[in-house]
């Protein structure tokens, strides 16, 4: 009996004694990075006209993102033949489909080919930018610059050359007005290179799309590294 009481008392004192000062070591849980969306919004140059989806430059950028283990998903919303007016009509439905963290805007080439007034093209692009900012205030927007694929002045008079110059300038002006990262010319290094274009001489082939991806990545890549 006396032994039983002593044993019980010793167990009670041990339970009430000072706790071990050595903290328990547990592996610290690391929250997984949220996959962010990069939305490429453009025309046939973005869509990859007559090419496999995997050959369009947004898909090539996805390959680079994966190789660098960056938590981004590239979404290709390019529509062949689209003008800035068409993009302005389409943008609301596209923005409603998924969150947008980065928005790459590539539109305007078809406006130029149709001779649409530069002022109208500018207004449409600004309206698209405004809608993105309104829907996703924290989204980073990249504007892609375009130029005419040929010298319009040879078609007669200086008016064509003046239009081409104003068309080229509108993109940089918009980028500066909105403080946007700017790709100066999407087709740099591809324009006029027969081996980098489809037989129509206008749309990049698979090899040309690789250069487009490099042109966009030169501006887009540093943004993603700085703000993952």
Protein backbone atom coordinates (compact mmCIF):
# COMPACT_ATOMS: atom_id res chain seq x y z
CA UNK A 1 0.00 0.00 0.00
CA UNK A 2 2.77 2.42 1.05
CA UNK A 3 4.66 1.54 -2.16
CA UNK A 4 1.59 2.22 -4.25
CA UNK A 5 1.06 5.66 -2.68
CA UNK A 6 4.72 6.59 -3.18
CA UNK A 7 4.62 5.55 -6.79
CA UNK A 8 1.48 7.58 -7.42
CA UNK A 9 3.03 10.64 -5.77
CA UNK A 10 6.19 10.40 -7.81
CA UNK A 11 4.19 10.17 -11.03
CA UNK A 12 2.12 13.23 -10.05
CA UNK A 13 5.23 15.29 -9.28
CA UNK A 14 6.75 14.27 -12.58
CA UNK A 15 3.63 15.39 -14.42
CA UNK A 16 3.65 18.76 -12.67
CA UNK A 17 7.37 19.31 -13.09
CA UNK A 18 8.98 21.87 -15.41
CA UNK A 19 8.35 21.26 -19.08
CA UNK A 20 11.21 20.37 -21.36
CA UNK A 21 12.68 23.67 -22.57
CA UNK A 22 13.77 22.09 -25.85
CA UNK A 23 11.17 23.07 -28.49
CA UNK A 24 9.69 20.32 -30.56
CA UNK A 25 10.93 20.37 -34.10
CA UNK A 26 8.29 20.10 -36.78
CA UNK A 27 8.81 20.57 -40.49
CA UNK A 28 7.54 24.04 -41.46
CA UNK A 29 4.70 23.88 -43.92
CA UNK A 30 5.35 25.87 -47.09
CA UNK A 31 2.25 27.22 -48.80
CA UNK A 32 2.21 26.34 -52.49
CA UNK A 33 2.58 29.25 -54.88
CA UNK A 34 -0.66 30.25 -56.56
CA UNK A 35 -0.59 29.67 -60.29
CA UNK A 36 -1.00 33.06 -61.97
CA UNK A 37 -2.54 33.68 -65.37
CA UNK A 38 -0.88 35.47 -68.27
CA UNK A 39 -3.55 36.30 -70.82
CA UNK A 40 -2.38 36.93 -74.39
CA UNK A 41 -5.05 38.96 -76.18
CA UNK A 42 -4.48 39.50 -79.87
CA UNK A 43 -5.05 38.59 -83.50
CA UNK A 44 -3.58 35.97 -85.85
CA UNK A 45 -0.03 36.79 -84.76
CA UNK A 46 -0.93 35.64 -81.25
CA UNK A 47 -3.24 32.86 -82.39
CA UNK A 48 -0.51 31.30 -84.53
CA UNK A 49 -2.29 31.42 -87.88
CA UNK A 50 -2.15 28.05 -89.73
CA UNK A 51 0.15 26.60 -87.08
CA UNK A 52 -0.34 24.07 -84.30
CA UNK A 53 -1.36 25.61 -81.00
CA UNK A 54 1.96 24.47 -79.53
CA UNK A 55 3.84 26.53 -82.14
CA UNK A 56 2.23 29.90 -81.31
CA UNK A 57 4.42 32.20 -79.25
CA UNK A 58 2.23 32.07 -76.09
CA UNK A 59 2.78 28.30 -75.97
CA UNK A 60 6.51 28.80 -76.47
CA UNK A 61 6.50 31.23 -73.58
CA UNK A 62 4.69 28.61 -71.49
CA UNK A 63 7.55 26.20 -72.22
CA UNK A 64 10.01 28.78 -70.94
CA UNK A 65 7.93 29.41 -67.83
CA UNK A 66 7.86 25.69 -67.10
CA UNK A 67 11.59 25.29 -67.63
CA UNK A 68 12.23 28.13 -65.14
CA UNK A 69 9.64 26.71 -62.73
CA UNK A 70 7.76 30.02 -62.67
CA UNK A 71 4.16 29.72 -61.40
CA UNK A 72 2.41 31.15 -64.46
CA UNK A 73 -0.07 29.76 -66.97
CA UNK A 74 -0.11 31.25 -70.49
CA UNK A 75 -3.59 31.58 -71.96
CA UNK A 76 -3.87 32.24 -75.69
CA UNK A 77 -6.86 34.40 -76.61
CA UNK A 78 -5.71 35.33 -80.10
CA UNK A 79 -8.38 35.50 -82.83
CA UNK A 80 -7.31 35.63 -86.47
CA UNK A 81 -8.58 38.67 -88.34
CA UNK A 82 -9.60 40.59 -85.24
CA UNK A 83 -9.49 44.38 -85.18
CA UNK A 84 -9.25 46.57 -82.12
CA UNK A 85 -13.01 47.16 -82.37
CA UNK A 86 -13.59 43.41 -82.25
CA UNK A 87 -11.26 43.10 -79.30
CA UNK A 88 -13.10 45.91 -77.52
CA UNK A 89 -16.35 43.99 -77.91
CA UNK A 90 -14.81 40.69 -76.84
CA UNK A 91 -12.73 41.75 -73.87
CA UNK A 92 -15.46 41.73 -71.20
CA UNK A 93 -16.40 38.11 -71.83
CA UNK A 94 -12.74 37.05 -71.81
CA UNK A 95 -12.00 38.83 -68.54
CA UNK A 96 -14.97 37.10 -66.93
CA UNK A 97 -13.58 33.61 -67.60
CA UNK A 98 -10.64 33.57 -65.18
CA UNK A 99 -8.53 35.86 -63.00
CA UNK A 100 -5.92 37.87 -64.88
CA UNK A 101 -2.53 38.61 -63.34
CA UNK A 102 -0.67 39.65 -66.49
CA UNK A 103 -2.34 40.91 -69.67
CA UNK A 104 -0.42 41.06 -72.95
CA UNK A 105 -2.24 43.21 -75.52
CA UNK A 106 -1.39 42.63 -79.19
CA UNK A 107 -3.97 44.21 -81.50
CA UNK A 108 -4.00 46.77 -84.28
CA UNK A 109 -2.40 45.17 -87.34
CA UNK A 110 -5.75 44.49 -89.00
CA UNK A 111 -6.82 48.07 -88.30
CA UNK A 112 -3.82 49.29 -90.24
CA UNK A 113 -4.42 46.95 -93.15
CA UNK A 114 -8.00 48.25 -93.35
CA UNK A 115 -6.95 51.87 -93.13
CA UNK A 116 -8.95 52.46 -89.94
CA UNK A 117 -8.21 55.95 -88.56
CA UNK A 118 -5.39 55.94 -86.02
CA UNK A 119 -7.54 57.87 -83.58
CA UNK A 120 -10.17 55.11 -83.62
CA UNK A 121 -7.55 52.38 -83.12
CA UNK A 122 -6.08 54.32 -80.22
CA UNK A 123 -9.48 54.76 -78.57
CA UNK A 124 -10.26 51.07 -78.87
CA UNK A 125 -6.93 50.00 -77.38
CA UNK A 126 -7.35 52.49 -74.54
CA UNK A 127 -10.84 51.13 -73.84
CA UNK A 128 -9.43 47.58 -73.61
CA UNK A 129 -6.69 48.75 -71.23
CA UNK A 130 -9.27 50.58 -69.11
CA UNK A 131 -11.49 47.49 -68.86
CA UNK A 132 -8.58 45.34 -67.73
CA UNK A 133 -7.60 47.90 -65.10
CA UNK A 134 -11.18 48.17 -63.88
CA UNK A 135 -11.73 44.42 -63.61
CA UNK A 136 -8.26 43.55 -62.28
CA UNK A 137 -6.61 46.65 -60.78
CA UNK A 138 -3.49 44.71 -59.77
CA UNK A 139 -2.96 43.11 -63.17
CA UNK A 140 0.25 44.03 -65.00
CA UNK A 141 -0.39 45.02 -68.61
CA UNK A 142 2.12 44.72 -71.45
CA UNK A 143 1.47 46.55 -74.72
CA UNK A 144 2.87 45.09 -77.93
CA UNK A 145 3.87 47.49 -80.69
CA UNK A 146 3.23 46.89 -84.38
CA UNK A 147 4.27 48.41 -87.67
CA UNK A 148 3.13 48.07 -91.25
CA UNK A 149 4.55 45.03 -93.02
CA UNK A 150 5.39 47.17 -96.05
CA UNK A 151 6.12 50.74 -97.06
CA UNK A 152 2.78 52.35 -97.83
CA UNK A 153 4.38 55.37 -99.46
CA UNK A 154 4.99 53.37 -102.65
CA UNK A 155 1.22 53.14 -103.14
CA UNK A 156 1.07 56.81 -103.98
CA UNK A 157 1.56 60.13 -102.27
CA UNK A 158 2.78 60.98 -98.81
CA UNK A 159 -0.54 60.33 -97.09
CA UNK A 160 0.19 56.60 -96.85
CA UNK A 161 3.62 57.18 -95.39
CA UNK A 162 2.16 59.63 -92.88
CA UNK A 163 -0.52 57.12 -91.88
CA UNK A 164 2.11 54.41 -91.39
CA UNK A 165 4.19 56.70 -89.18
CA UNK A 166 1.18 57.70 -87.07
CA UNK A 167 0.14 54.06 -86.78
CA UNK A 168 3.58 53.03 -85.53
CA UNK A 169 3.71 55.92 -83.04
CA UNK A 170 0.30 55.25 -81.45
CA UNK A 171 1.55 52.19 -79.55
CA UNK A 172 4.44 53.91 -77.82
CA UNK A 173 2.23 56.90 -77.05
CA UNK A 174 -0.33 54.62 -75.40
CA UNK A 175 2.36 52.78 -73.46
CA UNK A 176 3.80 56.04 -72.13
CA UNK A 177 0.37 57.45 -71.31
CA UNK A 178 -0.54 54.39 -69.26
CA UNK A 179 2.98 53.66 -67.92
CA UNK A 180 2.96 50.19 -69.47
CA UNK A 181 5.88 47.86 -70.25
CA UNK A 182 6.25 48.02 -74.02
CA UNK A 183 7.39 45.57 -76.69
CA UNK A 184 8.55 48.00 -79.42
CA UNK A 185 7.87 45.77 -82.44
CA UNK A 186 6.52 42.24 -82.26
CA UNK A 187 7.79 41.27 -85.73
CA UNK A 188 11.34 42.51 -85.18
CA UNK A 189 13.71 40.11 -86.93
CA UNK A 190 10.86 38.33 -88.74
CA UNK A 191 9.39 40.97 -91.02
CA UNK A 192 10.62 40.57 -94.59
CA UNK A 193 12.42 37.30 -93.87
CA UNK A 194 10.92 34.81 -96.32
CA UNK A 195 12.25 31.76 -94.46
CA UNK A 196 10.54 32.91 -91.24
CA UNK A 197 7.09 33.47 -92.74
CA UNK A 198 4.32 31.44 -94.31
CA UNK A 199 3.92 31.63 -98.11
CA UNK A 200 1.64 34.67 -97.68
CA UNK A 201 4.68 36.63 -96.51
CA UNK A 202 2.70 38.15 -93.64
CA UNK A 203 2.25 35.50 -90.95
CA UNK A 204 5.25 34.00 -89.14
CA UNK A 205 5.87 30.29 -89.51
CA UNK A 206 6.92 28.07 -86.59
CA UNK A 207 10.50 29.37 -86.73
CA UNK A 208 9.25 32.95 -86.88
CA UNK A 209 7.02 32.41 -83.88
CA UNK A 210 10.11 31.47 -81.85
CA UNK A 211 11.52 34.92 -82.55
CA UNK A 212 8.20 36.53 -81.59
CA UNK A 213 8.41 34.64 -78.30
CA UNK A 214 11.91 36.05 -77.74
CA UNK A 215 10.75 39.59 -78.54
CA UNK A 216 7.92 39.37 -76.02
CA UNK A 217 9.99 37.57 -73.39
CA UNK A 218 12.60 40.33 -73.45
CA UNK A 219 10.02 42.58 -71.78
CA UNK A 220 7.80 40.03 -70.06
CA UNK A 221 10.48 37.83 -68.51
CA UNK A 222 12.09 40.45 -66.21
CA UNK A 223 8.63 41.42 -64.95
CA UNK A 224 7.89 37.87 -63.84
CA UNK A 225 11.27 37.47 -62.15
CA UNK A 226 10.80 40.69 -60.18
CA UNK A 227 7.19 40.00 -59.14
CA UNK A 228 6.51 36.26 -58.97
